[in-house]
Protein backbone atom coordinates (compact mmCIF):
# COMPACT_ATOMS: atom_id res chain seq x y z
CA MET A 1 159.60 71.82 73.97
CA SER A 2 160.57 73.11 70.33
CA ASN A 3 161.68 69.74 69.12
CA ASN A 4 158.85 67.81 69.44
CA LYS A 5 157.00 70.76 68.37
CA GLU A 6 159.83 69.88 65.43
CA THR A 7 159.31 65.92 65.39
CA PHE A 8 155.81 66.64 65.46
CA GLY A 9 155.64 69.29 62.59
CA LYS A 10 158.32 66.37 60.08
CA THR A 11 155.19 63.65 60.80
CA VAL A 12 152.50 65.35 59.98
CA GLY A 13 154.39 66.97 56.77
CA PHE A 14 155.59 63.19 55.86
CA VAL A 15 152.00 61.89 56.12
CA PHE A 16 150.62 64.54 54.38
CA ALA A 17 152.90 63.85 51.22
CA VAL A 18 152.40 59.38 51.68
CA CYS A 19 148.88 60.49 51.41
CA LEU A 20 149.20 62.75 48.21
CA ALA A 21 151.52 60.28 46.66
CA CYS A 22 148.39 57.86 47.57
CA ALA A 23 146.18 59.42 46.01
CA ALA A 24 148.47 60.41 43.07
CA LEU A 25 148.31 57.16 42.25
CA VAL A 26 145.44 55.63 42.34
CA SER A 27 144.75 58.57 40.18
CA VAL A 28 146.94 57.57 37.52
CA SER A 29 146.09 53.86 38.05
CA ALA A 30 142.21 54.59 37.84
CA VAL A 31 143.07 56.88 34.40
CA GLN A 32 145.39 53.89 32.82
CA LEU A 33 142.69 50.62 33.48
CA LYS A 34 139.75 52.07 32.46
CA PRO A 35 139.95 51.18 29.32
CA LEU A 36 140.48 48.36 29.78
CA GLN A 37 137.82 48.21 32.44
CA THR A 38 135.15 49.18 29.59
CA ALA A 39 136.92 46.52 27.23
CA ASN A 40 136.09 44.24 29.74
CA LYS A 41 132.56 45.02 30.00
CA LEU A 42 132.22 45.43 26.78
CA LEU A 43 132.90 42.02 26.16
CA ASP A 44 131.15 40.71 28.91
CA GLN A 45 128.31 42.06 27.38
CA GLN A 46 128.90 40.61 23.77
CA THR A 47 128.93 36.83 25.63
CA LYS A 48 125.90 37.29 27.13
CA ILE A 49 124.26 38.42 24.14
CA LEU A 50 126.00 35.26 22.40
CA GLU A 51 124.69 32.95 24.50
CA THR A 52 121.39 34.35 24.35
CA ALA A 53 121.32 33.62 20.43
CA GLY A 54 122.90 30.58 21.38
CA LEU A 55 125.67 31.47 19.34
CA LEU A 56 127.86 31.18 22.87
CA ASP A 57 129.34 27.51 21.34
CA GLN A 58 129.98 28.21 18.53
CA ALA A 59 132.10 32.00 18.77
CA GLY A 60 134.43 30.07 21.51
CA LYS A 61 137.21 32.15 22.07
CA ASP A 62 137.06 34.44 19.24
CA ILE A 63 134.32 36.21 20.94
CA VAL A 64 134.15 39.64 19.24
CA GLY A 65 134.56 38.10 15.63
CA THR A 66 131.53 36.27 16.32
CA TYR A 67 129.54 39.24 17.90
CA ASN A 68 131.13 41.21 14.91
CA LYS A 69 129.52 38.60 12.14
CA TYR A 70 126.18 37.18 13.46
CA ILE A 71 125.18 39.89 16.21
CA GLU A 72 123.77 44.13 14.47
CA PRO A 73 123.17 46.18 17.65
CA ARG A 74 119.84 48.63 16.11
CA MET A 75 119.46 51.13 18.08
CA ILE A 76 115.50 52.45 18.91
CA ASP A 77 112.91 54.51 20.05
CA LEU A 78 110.79 52.70 22.17
CA ASP A 79 107.42 55.05 22.03
CA THR A 80 107.86 55.07 19.14
CA GLY A 81 109.31 51.30 17.66
CA GLU A 82 111.69 52.86 15.23
CA TYR A 83 114.80 52.02 14.65
CA VAL A 84 117.03 55.87 15.15
CA GLU A 85 120.66 56.56 14.88
CA GLY A 86 122.42 56.54 18.05
CA ASP A 87 126.37 55.05 19.38
CA THR A 88 124.39 51.89 20.00
CA ALA A 89 128.34 50.59 20.91
CA MET A 90 128.53 52.90 23.84
CA PHE A 91 124.57 53.33 24.83
CA ASP A 92 124.58 52.55 28.74
CA GLU A 93 120.52 52.35 29.87
CA ARG A 94 121.46 52.44 33.50
CA ARG A 95 123.31 56.02 33.09
CA ASN A 96 120.17 57.16 30.68
CA ALA A 97 117.83 56.56 33.43
CA ARG A 98 119.13 58.62 35.16
CA ASP A 99 119.36 61.35 33.04
CA VAL A 100 115.63 63.57 33.23
CA GLU A 101 116.29 64.80 29.43
CA LYS A 102 117.08 60.98 28.08
CA SER A 103 114.19 59.66 30.32
CA VAL A 104 111.19 59.00 31.30
CA LYS A 105 109.46 58.38 34.88
CA LEU A 106 107.76 55.88 35.23
CA GLU A 107 103.38 56.22 36.35
CA ASN A 108 102.93 52.90 36.58
CA ASP A 109 105.87 51.07 37.52
CA VAL A 110 105.10 47.30 37.80
CA ALA A 111 109.31 46.66 37.14
CA GLY A 112 110.75 49.08 40.02
CA ILE A 113 113.11 50.94 37.82
CA ASN A 114 111.31 54.50 38.52
CA ARG A 115 112.71 55.50 34.83
CA ARG A 116 113.20 54.20 31.78
CA SER A 117 115.26 55.57 28.62
CA ASN A 118 113.70 56.98 25.40
CA THR A 119 115.65 54.16 23.84
CA ALA A 120 116.81 50.98 23.70
CA VAL A 121 119.58 48.54 21.82
CA VAL A 122 117.67 45.59 20.03
CA TYR A 123 120.72 43.01 18.89
CA LEU A 124 119.53 41.33 15.83
CA VAL A 125 121.35 37.60 15.04
CA LYS A 126 121.53 37.58 11.62
CA ASN A 127 122.55 33.38 9.98
CA ASP A 128 125.15 33.07 7.43
CA GLU A 129 122.74 34.55 4.66
CA GLY A 130 122.50 37.50 6.14
CA GLN A 131 119.42 36.66 7.56
CA ILE A 132 117.21 37.55 10.39
CA GLN A 133 116.64 34.71 12.55
CA SER A 134 115.58 35.43 16.65
CA VAL A 135 116.60 39.47 18.01
CA VAL A 136 117.43 39.61 22.20
CA PHE A 137 116.00 42.64 24.11
CA PRO A 138 118.10 43.43 27.23
CA ILE A 139 114.91 43.84 30.03
CA VAL A 140 115.29 45.26 33.79
CA GLY A 141 113.40 44.71 36.64
CA ALA A 142 113.29 44.58 40.59
CA GLY A 143 114.13 41.61 42.61
CA LEU A 144 114.04 40.87 45.88
CA TRP A 145 117.36 43.58 47.01
CA ASP A 146 118.05 45.74 43.79
CA LEU A 147 117.09 45.34 40.06
CA MET A 148 118.22 42.27 38.12
CA TYR A 149 119.42 42.29 34.79
CA GLY A 150 119.13 40.14 31.05
CA PHE A 151 118.05 39.27 28.23
CA VAL A 152 115.58 37.43 25.99
CA GLY A 153 116.25 36.11 22.46
CA LEU A 154 112.86 36.33 20.79
CA GLU A 155 112.59 33.99 17.28
CA SER A 156 111.77 35.63 14.16
CA ASP A 157 108.37 35.54 15.01
CA LEU A 158 108.76 38.21 18.12
CA ASN A 159 106.84 35.70 19.91
CA THR A 160 108.41 32.95 20.29
CA VAL A 161 111.04 32.55 23.33
CA SER A 162 114.51 31.15 22.50
CA ASN A 163 116.78 31.76 25.43
CA LEU A 164 116.57 33.66 28.60
CA VAL A 165 120.09 34.73 30.36
CA TYR A 166 120.34 36.65 33.72
CA SER A 167 123.88 39.13 33.58
CA ASP A 168 123.69 40.77 37.03
CA HIS A 169 121.73 40.63 40.28
CA LYS A 170 122.43 40.94 43.86
CA GLU A 171 119.30 38.01 44.90
CA THR A 172 119.39 35.71 47.40
CA PRO A 173 121.92 32.54 46.68
CA GLY A 174 120.16 29.07 46.84
CA LEU A 175 116.94 31.21 46.30
CA GLY A 176 116.54 34.29 44.39
CA GLY A 177 120.29 33.65 42.88
CA GLU A 178 118.65 30.13 40.69
CA ILE A 179 117.90 32.98 38.00
CA MET A 180 121.63 32.07 36.35
CA ASN A 181 121.01 28.53 36.48
CA PRO A 182 121.38 26.74 33.39
CA LYS A 183 117.76 24.37 34.35
CA TRP A 184 115.75 27.01 35.13
CA GLN A 185 116.06 29.54 32.06
CA ALA A 186 116.16 26.14 29.96
CA GLN A 187 112.69 25.67 30.93
CA TRP A 188 112.26 29.10 28.86
CA SER A 189 113.27 28.23 25.21
CA GLY A 190 109.86 27.71 23.51
CA LYS A 191 107.70 29.44 25.44
CA GLU A 192 104.97 32.69 23.97
CA VAL A 193 105.22 36.25 25.31
CA TYR A 194 102.04 36.76 23.91
CA ASN A 195 98.46 35.13 24.09
CA GLU A 196 95.54 35.05 21.35
CA GLN A 197 94.59 38.51 22.36
CA GLY A 198 98.25 40.15 22.14
CA GLU A 199 98.28 40.85 26.21
CA VAL A 200 101.51 39.88 27.50
CA ALA A 201 101.43 36.32 29.74
CA LEU A 202 104.62 35.06 29.91
CA GLU A 203 105.30 34.03 33.15
CA LEU A 204 106.04 32.26 36.28
CA VAL A 205 104.05 30.04 37.43
CA LYS A 206 104.29 29.64 41.58
CA GLY A 207 104.75 25.69 42.71
CA GLY A 208 105.67 24.76 38.97
CA ALA A 209 103.60 25.41 35.74
CA LYS A 210 101.51 22.76 34.21
CA PRO A 211 102.74 20.66 31.22
CA GLY A 212 101.32 22.14 28.39
CA ASN A 213 101.09 25.62 29.35
CA GLU A 214 102.70 27.11 26.34
CA HIS A 215 103.29 30.72 28.80
CA GLY A 216 104.58 29.71 31.53
CA VAL A 217 108.02 29.12 33.31
CA ASP A 218 108.02 27.38 37.34
CA GLY A 219 108.32 29.84 39.50
CA LEU A 220 111.31 29.90 42.32
CA SER A 221 111.14 27.66 44.97
CA GLY A 222 111.65 29.80 48.18
CA ALA A 223 111.95 32.96 46.41
CA THR A 224 108.46 34.61 45.72
CA LEU A 225 110.20 37.69 45.32
CA THR A 226 112.57 37.37 42.44
CA SER A 227 109.42 35.40 40.59
CA ASN A 228 107.27 37.66 41.01
CA GLY A 229 109.73 40.24 40.13
CA VAL A 230 110.52 38.80 37.01
CA THR A 231 106.96 38.24 36.33
CA ASN A 232 106.79 41.84 36.13
CA THR A 233 110.15 42.40 33.90
CA ILE A 234 108.78 40.53 31.22
CA ASP A 235 104.86 42.34 31.19
CA PHE A 236 107.22 45.19 31.57
CA TRP A 237 109.35 45.71 27.99
CA PHE A 238 107.57 43.38 26.16
CA GLY A 239 104.49 45.50 26.56
CA GLU A 240 102.58 49.44 25.41
CA MET A 241 105.42 50.96 27.60
CA GLY A 242 108.69 49.26 26.55
CA TYR A 243 109.48 46.79 23.49
CA GLY A 244 105.35 46.51 21.74
CA PRO A 245 105.82 49.07 19.58
CA TYR A 246 109.26 47.70 18.19
CA ILE A 247 107.67 44.40 18.24
CA LYS A 248 103.91 44.91 16.70
CA LYS A 249 105.87 47.16 14.09
CA ASN A 250 108.27 45.16 13.16
CA ARG A 251 106.23 41.76 13.34
CA GLY A 252 104.85 41.33 9.39
CA GLY A 253 109.19 41.13 8.88
CA LEU A 254 111.86 42.31 10.41
CA ASN A 255 114.53 44.45 9.02
């Protein structure tokens, strides 16, 4: 009997020791890999911003060098539209939106995001002479299954779309997942966000936008809820609770 107890005790001790060793290994690996994960996340973000700015082909393999040369990130206060000080490289909209001291709860939550960060980072795209030729705006809004993250590039008039690029989503492949299709994204170029009354008019049109519709983009076939989510996201982020104050303040001249 004592031998059985001794054997059982050794087995439990061995399993416990293995568990401790594995836990320690996982912890050490997580700590060591975190800087690499952070760097990869930043590189992916810079790649998407360059794609939205129309500079990805020009960048080739030198993503970081091209980004540093042509892109100037600036933090803004969304309520006032003013530039503010902040660490743009470490800014995390998702983290800020969960912090009640750094975000606001939305009453009219058309984008389906619940809370909005008080600040945001916009990306000024400059040419070789240092002149601002466009601005890249991050966007986020609810789709069918989860939040969809992307970027919208506007020309220097802060009305004409240069590009739209989605970067992160969980929509259904072949349906809502078509927001990643380059052919669909290409339709956005040249569309206008605001109508003559200054209202957000850019939207996805079910059944397809008619020729000459300067505010309409073809809706996603078989993905009505995703299409509505995209339209609502645009409506929110370029309205008064989003980038509206910044755009109004800078429409006379970007700096």
